[in-house]
Each structure stands twice: as structure tokens, then as C-alpha cells.
Amino acid sequence: MATKINEATELAIPLKNLIGLVTFTAVSVWAYSGITERISFLEHNMAAAVTEIEENDNWIDEFAPPPEVQDNIKRVRELELRVRVLETKVDAETPHGYGE
């Protein structure tokens, strides 16, 4: 016949086992809290890193040198072309064997 459980039901458990169960429960709760805290911390750091990476990527994609820099690049390119033309003229006018 099945035993019915009510307010008057008594359980006998050794104190050693009860302390072990309470300790196990406390350690489990502490470990779970530590793990969830660490996961939350890592997720927050990853979200911050992703945000910073996206900002840097947008800056790189949208970067355009200032007009002064663009103008200097054009002027340097023109000077390079002039120097090349002058070097070609000097090479054409110099007899072979001299200036090398």
C-alpha cells in the first residue's frame, strides 16, 4: 500500500548528507552566477568591439583626403612627369658612355 505524505510525515536524513546537499547547492549556485557573469562580461566586450570596428570601417570607407592634400598630390604628380621628361631629354642628348 502506498504511503501518503502529509504534514505529519517525518523524514530521517543523516546530518552529514544534509550538510553535503546544502554545500553542493551553494557551490552550484556560486559557480552558475560566476559563469553567467563572465558570459555577460564577454558579450558586453564583444558588442563594444564590434561597434568600434564598425565605426572604424565606416571611417575608412568614407575617408577622403582634404582638398589641400589632393592638390599637393596632383602637383607632385606633375613634377614627377616633368622630371621624367627632363631625364629623357638629358639621356637623349648625352652621348653614350658619359653620365652613366
Protein backbone atom coordinates (compact mmCIF):
# COMPACT_ATOMS: atom_id res chain seq x y z
CA MET A 1 0.00 0.00 0.00
CA ALA A 2 1.28 3.49 -0.86
CA THR A 3 2.30 5.81 1.92
CA LYS A 4 0.54 9.15 1.94
CA ILE A 5 2.59 12.29 2.52
CA ASN A 6 1.08 14.98 4.73
CA GLU A 7 2.12 17.48 7.40
CA ALA A 8 2.85 14.76 9.90
CA THR A 9 5.23 12.84 7.59
CA GLU A 10 8.74 12.62 9.02
CA LEU A 11 11.96 12.04 7.10
CA ALA A 12 15.19 10.82 8.58
CA ILE A 13 18.33 12.06 6.80
CA PRO A 14 21.81 11.97 8.28
CA LEU A 15 23.20 15.41 9.18
CA LYS A 16 26.35 14.67 7.14
CA ASN A 17 24.27 14.15 3.97
CA LEU A 18 22.15 17.26 4.65
CA ILE A 19 25.28 19.41 5.04
CA GLY A 20 26.67 17.89 1.83
CA LEU A 21 23.48 18.71 -0.11
CA VAL A 22 23.41 22.30 1.20
CA THR A 23 27.11 22.75 0.38
CA PHE A 24 26.67 21.28 -3.10
CA THR A 25 23.72 23.60 -3.74
CA ALA A 26 25.64 26.65 -2.53
CA VAL A 27 28.70 25.83 -4.67
CA SER A 28 26.48 25.15 -7.70
CA VAL A 29 24.70 28.49 -7.32
CA TRP A 30 28.03 30.31 -6.88
CA ALA A 31 29.53 28.62 -9.97
CA TYR A 32 26.43 29.35 -12.06
CA SER A 33 26.50 33.00 -11.02
CA GLY A 34 30.19 33.26 -11.86
CA ILE A 35 29.73 31.68 -15.27
CA THR A 36 26.75 33.86 -16.20
CA GLU A 37 28.61 36.97 -15.02
CA ARG A 38 31.63 36.06 -17.15
CA ILE A 39 29.47 35.37 -20.21
CA SER A 40 27.70 38.71 -19.76
CA PHE A 41 31.04 40.49 -19.43
CA LEU A 42 32.41 38.85 -22.60
CA GLU A 43 29.23 39.61 -24.55
CA HIS A 44 29.45 43.26 -23.48
CA ASN A 45 33.12 43.47 -24.52
CA MET A 46 32.37 41.83 -27.85
CA ALA A 47 29.48 44.23 -28.53
CA ALA A 48 31.74 47.19 -27.73
CA ALA A 49 34.48 45.84 -30.00
CA VAL A 50 32.03 45.24 -32.86
CA THR A 51 30.72 48.80 -32.50
CA GLU A 52 34.24 50.22 -32.61
CA ILE A 53 35.18 48.06 -35.59
CA GLU A 54 32.08 49.20 -37.50
CA GLU A 55 32.88 52.85 -36.72
CA ASN A 56 36.45 52.40 -37.96
CA ASP A 57 35.26 50.57 -41.07
CA ASN A 58 32.80 53.38 -41.86
CA TRP A 59 35.54 55.96 -41.36
CA ILE A 60 37.83 54.07 -43.74
CA ASP A 61 35.09 53.68 -46.36
CA GLU A 62 34.10 57.35 -46.18
CA PHE A 63 37.63 58.79 -45.95
CA ALA A 64 38.62 61.43 -48.46
CA PRO A 65 41.85 63.43 -48.14
CA PRO A 66 41.41 67.14 -47.56
CA PRO A 67 41.45 69.35 -50.68
CA GLU A 68 44.92 70.67 -49.79
CA VAL A 69 46.32 67.15 -49.77
CA GLN A 70 44.60 66.29 -53.05
CA ASP A 71 46.06 69.44 -54.61
CA ASN A 72 49.56 68.57 -53.35
CA ILE A 73 49.26 65.06 -54.78
CA LYS A 74 48.38 66.49 -58.20
CA ARG A 75 51.29 68.94 -58.04
CA VAL A 76 53.76 66.22 -57.04
CA ARG A 77 52.49 64.02 -59.87
CA GLU A 78 53.01 66.87 -62.35
CA LEU A 79 56.54 67.41 -61.02
CA GLU A 80 57.29 63.69 -61.37
CA LEU A 81 56.16 63.81 -65.00
CA ARG A 82 58.29 66.89 -65.69
CA VAL A 83 61.35 65.24 -64.13
CA ARG A 84 60.79 62.16 -66.28
CA VAL A 85 60.57 64.30 -69.41
CA LEU A 86 63.75 66.16 -68.44
CA GLU A 87 65.57 62.88 -67.72
CA THR A 88 64.51 61.57 -71.12
CA LYS A 89 65.81 64.74 -72.81
CA VAL A 90 69.12 64.55 -70.92
CA ASP A 91 69.52 60.86 -71.79
CA ALA A 92 68.81 61.61 -75.47
CA GLU A 93 71.31 64.48 -75.62
CA THR A 94 74.10 62.72 -73.68
CA PRO A 95 76.45 60.60 -75.80
CA HIS A 96 76.65 57.01 -74.68
CA GLY A 97 79.40 56.43 -72.19
CA TYR A 98 79.06 59.80 -70.46
CA GLY A 99 76.85 60.43 -67.43
CA GLU A 100 76.30 56.76 -66.67
